[in-house]
Amino acid sequence: MKAIIALLLVACVFSHDLSLQDLFDTWKIQNNKEYATSEEEAIRFGIFSMNYATVQAWNAAGNSAVLGLNLFADLTSEEFGAMYTGAKPAPEEVVEENIVEIDVGSVPSSWSWLTEGAVTPIKNQEQCGSCWAFATVATTEGLYKINGNTLTSFSEQQIVDCDTTCDGCDGGWPYLAMAYVAKAGLETETEYPYAGVDQNCKYNKADAITTGVTGAGFVTPKSPQALFAGVYQQPTAIIVEADQSVFQLYSSGIITTGCGTALDHAITAIGYTPTYYIVKNSWGTSWGQQGYVWISSSTQYNAGLGACGIFSQPQYPKGLSA
């Protein structure tokens, strides 16, 4: 049924016989959207209409990223950023003091930790600014697997609730969360399930797994070669600006432009090709390419910081033993 509705939605976009209201009604069914009052629905329809115009103009311009009317199409960019981002950039002195030089030689032209079995399924942070915890966990899961263990889904909620150096659903810093993991270990997703809200810490040391994380390191900024090498070494957290339409309404293709370097969202680079990084997000599988996004590896954008600031502060958990 969902597949049929999705096809109808696509048909609506290209049909002149169906009104924007018809398109909105179809979109609501596809995304299980209901509004408390007719006034709220009217507001959401207005925002949806503006996002529709944005999608049409962007795609008509021939950009390499394709936008679509996804589950976030009834939100303004401001609302979206407040609800679904949450990462805070590290102070520049912290980055500079913790850069790890990674050998860029003998790095293959393409790589994917997904095909290597070191990436858990796409997760969903929901309306909680916990992306920093999801990126921390995704990179930890990769490190744990690469070090010879069974791929394990670890708990983001434990970090949200228990890492007092960060601010739970109000945001946080991946490098500080990695330091927390190094000290406390992590319970599994099953033992400490995700709730999407701030809770009292329920950490049980007896259930925590020693993940092998010893701290955090930063990849050399403004260097696609260093980031290629970093991702080839292990899944790597990146912080980007995501409170823009190109991220909010992303459907497929390679993001190059449309966002700057006001870093606000942590995601995980799990692979690359010669022209883009393959990045795992935490907004569920209905966003993007089944939860993934491709981001350009060119330095021509944002004064060398890359598309959406991807080269600003790449970071990963230390502890690789392989």
Protein backbone atom coordinates (compact mmCIF):
# COMPACT_ATOMS: atom_id res chain seq x y z
CA MET A 1 0.00 0.00 0.00
CA LYS A 2 2.78 2.45 0.92
CA ALA A 3 4.50 1.75 -2.40
CA ILE A 4 1.29 2.56 -4.29
CA ILE A 5 0.85 5.82 -2.37
CA ALA A 6 4.46 6.76 -3.07
CA LEU A 7 3.89 6.26 -6.80
CA LEU A 8 0.77 8.41 -6.61
CA LEU A 9 2.75 11.14 -4.89
CA VAL A 10 5.36 11.12 -7.64
CA ALA A 11 2.59 11.22 -10.23
CA CYS A 12 1.02 14.21 -8.48
CA VAL A 13 4.26 16.17 -8.66
CA PHE A 14 4.34 15.88 -12.45
CA SER A 15 0.62 16.16 -13.11
CA HIS A 16 -1.07 19.43 -14.01
CA ASP A 17 -4.48 17.82 -13.48
CA LEU A 18 -4.11 17.51 -9.71
CA SER A 19 -4.10 20.51 -7.40
CA LEU A 20 -1.55 21.28 -4.70
CA GLN A 21 -4.25 20.38 -2.18
CA ASP A 22 -4.54 16.93 -3.79
CA LEU A 23 -0.78 16.56 -3.51
CA PHE A 24 -0.85 17.58 0.15
CA ASP A 25 -3.67 15.12 0.91
CA THR A 26 -1.73 12.29 -0.73
CA TRP A 27 1.44 13.30 1.12
CA LYS A 28 -0.41 13.26 4.47
CA ILE A 29 -1.53 9.68 3.87
CA GLN A 30 1.95 8.58 2.86
CA ASN A 31 3.53 10.12 5.96
CA ASN A 32 0.76 9.39 8.47
CA LYS A 33 0.29 13.10 9.15
CA GLU A 34 -2.64 14.34 11.22
CA TYR A 35 -3.13 17.81 12.69
CA ALA A 36 -4.95 18.76 15.87
CA THR A 37 -6.94 21.64 14.36
CA SER A 38 -7.97 22.97 10.97
CA GLU A 39 -5.92 26.09 11.72
CA GLU A 40 -2.78 24.01 12.23
CA GLU A 41 -3.48 22.09 9.03
CA ALA A 42 -3.83 25.36 7.12
CA ILE A 43 -0.46 26.52 8.46
CA ARG A 44 1.17 23.23 7.50
CA PHE A 45 -0.38 23.37 4.04
CA GLY A 46 1.12 26.83 3.56
CA ILE A 47 4.58 25.60 4.55
CA PHE A 48 4.17 22.50 2.38
CA SER A 49 3.30 24.75 -0.56
CA MET A 50 6.46 26.80 -0.06
CA ASN A 51 8.58 23.64 0.19
CA TYR A 52 6.91 22.34 -2.98
CA ALA A 53 8.01 25.50 -4.79
CA THR A 54 11.53 25.07 -3.40
CA VAL A 55 11.72 21.46 -4.62
CA GLN A 56 10.45 22.38 -8.08
CA ALA A 57 12.87 25.29 -8.50
CA TRP A 58 15.87 23.36 -7.14
CA ASN A 59 15.33 20.30 -9.33
CA ALA A 60 14.62 22.42 -12.41
CA ALA A 61 18.00 24.12 -11.91
CA GLY A 62 19.76 20.80 -12.54
CA ASN A 63 21.56 20.49 -9.22
CA SER A 64 23.35 17.20 -8.56
CA ALA A 65 21.26 16.59 -5.43
CA VAL A 66 17.58 15.86 -5.98
CA LEU A 67 15.03 17.17 -3.50
CA GLY A 68 11.62 15.69 -2.74
CA LEU A 69 8.53 16.08 -0.59
CA ASN A 70 9.61 13.81 2.23
CA LEU A 71 8.29 13.50 5.78
CA PHE A 72 9.75 16.91 6.70
CA ALA A 73 7.93 18.84 3.95
CA ASP A 74 5.49 20.52 6.37
CA LEU A 75 8.25 22.16 8.41
CA THR A 76 10.10 25.42 7.95
CA SER A 77 13.88 25.25 7.90
CA GLU A 78 13.93 26.89 11.34
CA GLU A 79 11.54 24.32 12.80
CA PHE A 80 13.40 21.48 11.18
CA GLY A 81 16.77 22.61 12.50
CA ALA A 82 15.42 22.99 16.03
CA MET A 83 13.83 19.53 16.00
CA TYR A 84 16.22 17.27 14.12
CA THR A 85 19.82 18.48 14.48
CA GLY A 86 21.70 19.04 17.77
CA ALA A 87 25.45 18.76 17.24
CA LYS A 88 27.77 21.41 18.63
CA PRO A 89 31.17 22.05 17.01
CA ALA A 90 34.29 21.55 19.08
CA PRO A 91 36.39 24.60 19.98
CA GLU A 92 39.11 25.10 17.38
CA GLU A 93 41.87 24.62 19.96
CA VAL A 94 40.43 21.19 20.85
CA VAL A 95 40.48 20.19 17.19
CA GLU A 96 44.04 21.41 16.66
CA GLU A 97 45.35 19.68 19.79
CA ASN A 98 43.81 16.32 18.87
CA ILE A 99 44.45 15.99 15.13
CA VAL A 100 45.80 12.55 14.26
CA GLU A 101 47.88 12.27 11.11
CA ILE A 102 46.57 9.29 9.15
CA ASP A 103 48.59 7.66 6.38
CA VAL A 104 46.92 8.65 3.11
CA GLY A 105 48.92 6.17 1.05
CA SER A 106 47.48 2.88 -0.23
CA VAL A 107 43.90 4.09 0.18
CA PRO A 108 41.55 2.45 -2.38
CA SER A 109 39.55 4.69 -4.70
CA SER A 110 36.25 3.45 -3.25
CA TRP A 111 35.30 1.88 0.06
CA SER A 112 32.21 0.99 2.09
CA TRP A 113 31.99 -0.26 5.66
CA LEU A 114 28.39 -1.16 4.88
CA THR A 115 29.50 -3.91 2.52
CA GLU A 116 32.20 -4.88 5.03
CA GLY A 117 29.52 -5.54 7.66
CA ALA A 118 30.52 -2.81 10.12
CA VAL A 119 27.38 -0.65 9.96
CA THR A 120 24.14 -1.27 11.87
CA PRO A 121 20.76 -0.47 10.27
CA ILE A 122 19.57 3.13 9.99
CA LYS A 123 18.17 4.52 13.25
CA ASN A 124 15.91 7.49 14.03
CA GLN A 125 16.68 10.20 16.57
CA GLU A 126 13.11 11.53 16.25
CA GLN A 127 12.39 15.03 17.64
CA CYS A 128 15.40 15.04 19.94
CA GLY A 129 18.66 16.88 19.29
CA SER A 130 20.67 13.72 19.85
CA CYS A 131 22.44 13.35 16.51
CA TRP A 132 25.75 13.72 18.37
CA ALA A 133 24.94 10.54 20.34
CA PHE A 134 23.94 8.67 17.18
CA ALA A 135 27.18 9.58 15.41
CA THR A 136 29.15 8.55 18.50
CA VAL A 137 27.39 5.20 18.65
CA ALA A 138 27.67 4.56 14.89
CA THR A 139 31.42 5.15 14.95
CA THR A 140 31.76 3.02 18.10
CA GLU A 141 29.77 0.19 16.52
CA GLY A 142 32.13 0.31 13.54
CA LEU A 143 35.25 0.31 15.70
CA TYR A 144 33.93 -2.58 17.81
CA LYS A 145 33.26 -4.68 14.71
CA ILE A 146 36.57 -3.83 13.02
CA ASN A 147 38.37 -4.90 16.20
CA GLY A 148 37.06 -8.43 15.69
CA ASN A 149 33.76 -8.43 17.57
CA THR A 150 30.23 -9.19 16.48
CA LEU A 151 28.44 -6.18 14.99
CA THR A 152 26.40 -4.85 17.92
CA SER A 153 23.78 -2.12 18.13
CA PHE A 154 24.69 0.05 21.11
CA SER A 155 22.54 2.47 23.10
CA GLU A 156 22.24 6.12 22.12
CA GLN A 157 19.79 6.68 24.97
CA GLN A 158 22.43 5.79 27.55
CA ILE A 159 24.63 8.58 26.23
CA VAL A 160 21.71 11.04 26.04
CA ASP A 161 20.74 10.30 29.66
CA CYS A 162 24.11 9.74 31.30
CA ASP A 163 26.80 11.81 29.59
CA THR A 164 26.79 14.90 31.80
CA THR A 165 29.33 16.70 29.60
CA CYS A 166 26.63 17.04 26.92
CA ASP A 167 23.06 18.33 26.96
CA GLY A 168 20.89 15.38 25.98
CA CYS A 169 18.12 16.32 23.54
CA ASP A 170 19.41 19.90 23.66
CA GLY A 171 22.57 18.91 21.84
CA GLY A 172 26.13 17.76 22.43
CA TRP A 173 29.65 17.17 21.18
CA PRO A 174 30.65 13.82 19.64
CA TYR A 175 34.24 14.05 20.90
CA LEU A 176 33.02 14.47 24.50
CA ALA A 177 30.56 11.61 24.06
CA MET A 178 33.42 9.41 22.81
CA ALA A 179 35.34 10.25 25.99
CA TYR A 180 32.27 9.21 27.99
CA VAL A 181 32.11 5.89 26.12
CA ALA A 182 35.79 5.31 26.86
CA LYS A 183 35.06 5.61 30.61
CA ALA A 184 31.64 3.97 30.93
CA GLY A 185 31.34 1.51 28.07
CA LEU A 186 27.96 1.04 26.44
CA GLU A 187 24.91 -1.07 27.03
CA THR A 188 23.21 -2.52 23.99
CA GLU A 189 20.18 -0.99 22.29
CA THR A 190 18.06 -3.84 23.64
CA GLU A 191 19.18 -3.32 27.24
CA TYR A 192 18.84 0.47 27.12
CA PRO A 193 16.34 1.28 24.32
CA TYR A 194 15.93 4.63 22.65
CA ALA A 195 13.11 6.85 23.92
CA GLY A 196 13.74 10.10 22.05
CA VAL A 197 13.42 12.23 25.20
CA ASP A 198 15.66 13.12 28.13
CA GLN A 199 15.37 10.62 31.00
CA ASN A 200 17.08 9.97 34.31
CA CYS A 201 20.24 7.92 33.83
CA LYS A 202 19.54 4.18 34.09
CA TYR A 203 23.08 3.01 33.38
CA ASN A 204 23.94 -0.42 34.74
CA LYS A 205 27.70 -0.93 34.79
CA ALA A 206 27.24 -4.71 34.96
CA ASP A 207 25.50 -4.65 31.57
CA ALA A 208 27.94 -2.29 29.87
CA ILE A 209 30.29 -3.64 27.22
CA THR A 210 33.86 -2.41 27.05
CA THR A 211 33.84 -1.15 23.48
CA GLY A 212 37.56 -0.56 23.01
CA VAL A 213 37.12 3.20 22.68
CA THR A 214 39.98 5.08 24.37
CA GLY A 215 39.12 8.65 23.43
CA ALA A 216 38.63 10.79 20.34
CA GLY A 217 40.81 11.95 17.48
CA PHE A 218 40.24 14.50 14.73
CA VAL A 219 41.02 14.09 11.05
CA THR A 220 42.99 16.92 9.45
CA PRO A 221 40.44 19.60 8.42
CA LYS A 222 40.05 20.84 4.84
CA SER A 223 41.57 17.65 3.43
CA PRO A 224 39.53 15.19 1.37
CA GLN A 225 42.58 12.92 1.19
CA ALA A 226 42.78 12.79 4.99
CA LEU A 227 39.05 12.12 5.27
CA PHE A 228 39.25 9.36 2.64
CA ALA A 229 42.01 7.78 4.73
CA GLY A 230 40.09 8.31 7.94
CA VAL A 231 36.94 6.65 6.60
CA TYR A 232 39.00 3.80 5.14
CA GLN A 233 40.44 3.30 8.62
CA GLN A 234 37.00 3.30 10.32
CA PRO A 235 33.57 4.98 10.21
CA THR A 236 34.09 8.66 10.97
CA ALA A 237 31.77 11.27 12.47
CA ILE A 238 31.36 14.52 10.56
CA ILE A 239 29.51 17.68 11.53
CA VAL A 240 27.65 19.62 8.86
CA GLU A 241 25.11 22.38 8.46
CA ALA A 242 21.80 20.55 7.98
CA ASP A 243 19.18 23.21 8.73
CA GLN A 244 18.78 24.03 5.03
CA SER A 245 16.36 22.79 2.37
CA VAL A 246 19.03 20.75 0.58
CA PHE A 247 19.35 18.54 3.67
CA GLN A 248 15.79 18.75 4.96
CA LEU A 249 14.24 17.73 1.63
CA TYR A 250 17.12 15.62 0.28
CA SER A 251 16.03 12.64 -1.80
CA SER A 252 19.01 11.43 -3.83
CA GLY A 253 22.16 12.47 -5.67
CA ILE A 254 25.26 14.30 -4.43
CA ILE A 255 24.99 17.37 -2.20
CA THR A 256 27.41 20.04 -3.35
CA THR A 257 25.81 23.41 -2.59
CA GLY A 258 22.83 24.78 -0.68
CA CYS A 259 24.35 24.73 2.80
CA GLY A 260 27.20 26.50 4.52
CA THR A 261 29.36 25.91 7.59
CA ALA A 262 27.07 26.79 10.51
CA LEU A 263 27.67 23.30 11.91
CA ASP A 264 24.65 21.80 13.66
CA HIS A 265 24.29 18.10 12.77
CA ALA A 266 26.49 15.05 13.37
CA ILE A 267 26.38 12.15 10.91
CA THR A 268 28.69 9.27 10.05
CA ALA A 269 30.79 8.80 6.92
CA ILE A 270 30.88 5.03 6.32
CA GLY A 271 32.33 4.96 2.81
CA TYR A 272 33.31 6.93 -0.26
CA THR A 273 33.82 6.98 -4.01
CA PRO A 274 36.24 9.27 -5.86
CA THR A 275 33.60 12.04 -5.90
CA TYR A 276 31.51 11.72 -2.75
CA TYR A 277 31.27 10.35 0.77
CA ILE A 278 28.59 7.82 1.71
CA VAL A 279 27.05 9.09 4.92
CA LYS A 280 24.73 7.43 7.43
CA ASN A 281 22.12 9.74 8.93
CA SER A 282 19.77 9.29 11.92
CA TRP A 283 16.40 10.39 10.51
CA GLY A 284 14.98 6.97 9.64
CA THR A 285 14.83 5.14 6.31
CA SER A 286 12.12 7.31 4.73
CA TRP A 287 14.59 10.21 4.44
CA GLY A 288 17.19 10.40 1.68
CA GLN A 289 18.48 7.22 0.10
CA GLN A 290 16.93 4.87 2.65
CA GLY A 291 18.55 6.92 5.40
CA TYR A 292 21.83 7.69 3.61
CA VAL A 293 23.15 10.81 1.89
CA TRP A 294 25.97 11.39 -0.58
CA ILE A 295 28.10 14.49 0.07
CA SER A 296 30.66 15.83 -2.39
CA SER A 297 34.35 15.26 -1.70
CA SER A 298 35.36 18.46 -3.51
CA THR A 299 37.06 21.29 -1.63
CA GLN A 300 35.73 23.97 -4.00
CA TYR A 301 32.82 24.73 -1.68
CA ASN A 302 32.79 26.94 1.42
CA ALA A 303 36.42 28.06 1.17
CA GLY A 304 37.81 24.55 1.42
CA LEU A 305 35.52 23.35 4.23
CA GLY A 306 33.50 21.41 1.66
CA ALA A 307 29.80 20.91 1.01
CA CYS A 308 27.88 21.74 4.20
CA GLY A 309 31.21 22.05 6.03
CA ILE A 310 32.01 18.33 5.82
CA PHE A 311 35.78 18.93 6.17
CA SER A 312 35.49 21.17 9.23
CA GLN A 313 35.75 18.69 12.13
CA PRO A 314 35.83 15.00 11.15
CA GLN A 315 36.35 12.90 14.28
CA TYR A 316 36.41 9.28 15.35
CA PRO A 317 36.82 7.13 18.45
CA LYS A 318 40.38 6.01 19.12
CA GLY A 319 41.05 2.40 19.99
CA LEU A 320 41.64 0.63 16.69
CA SER A 321 43.55 -2.59 17.31
CA ALA A 322 43.24 -4.31 13.94
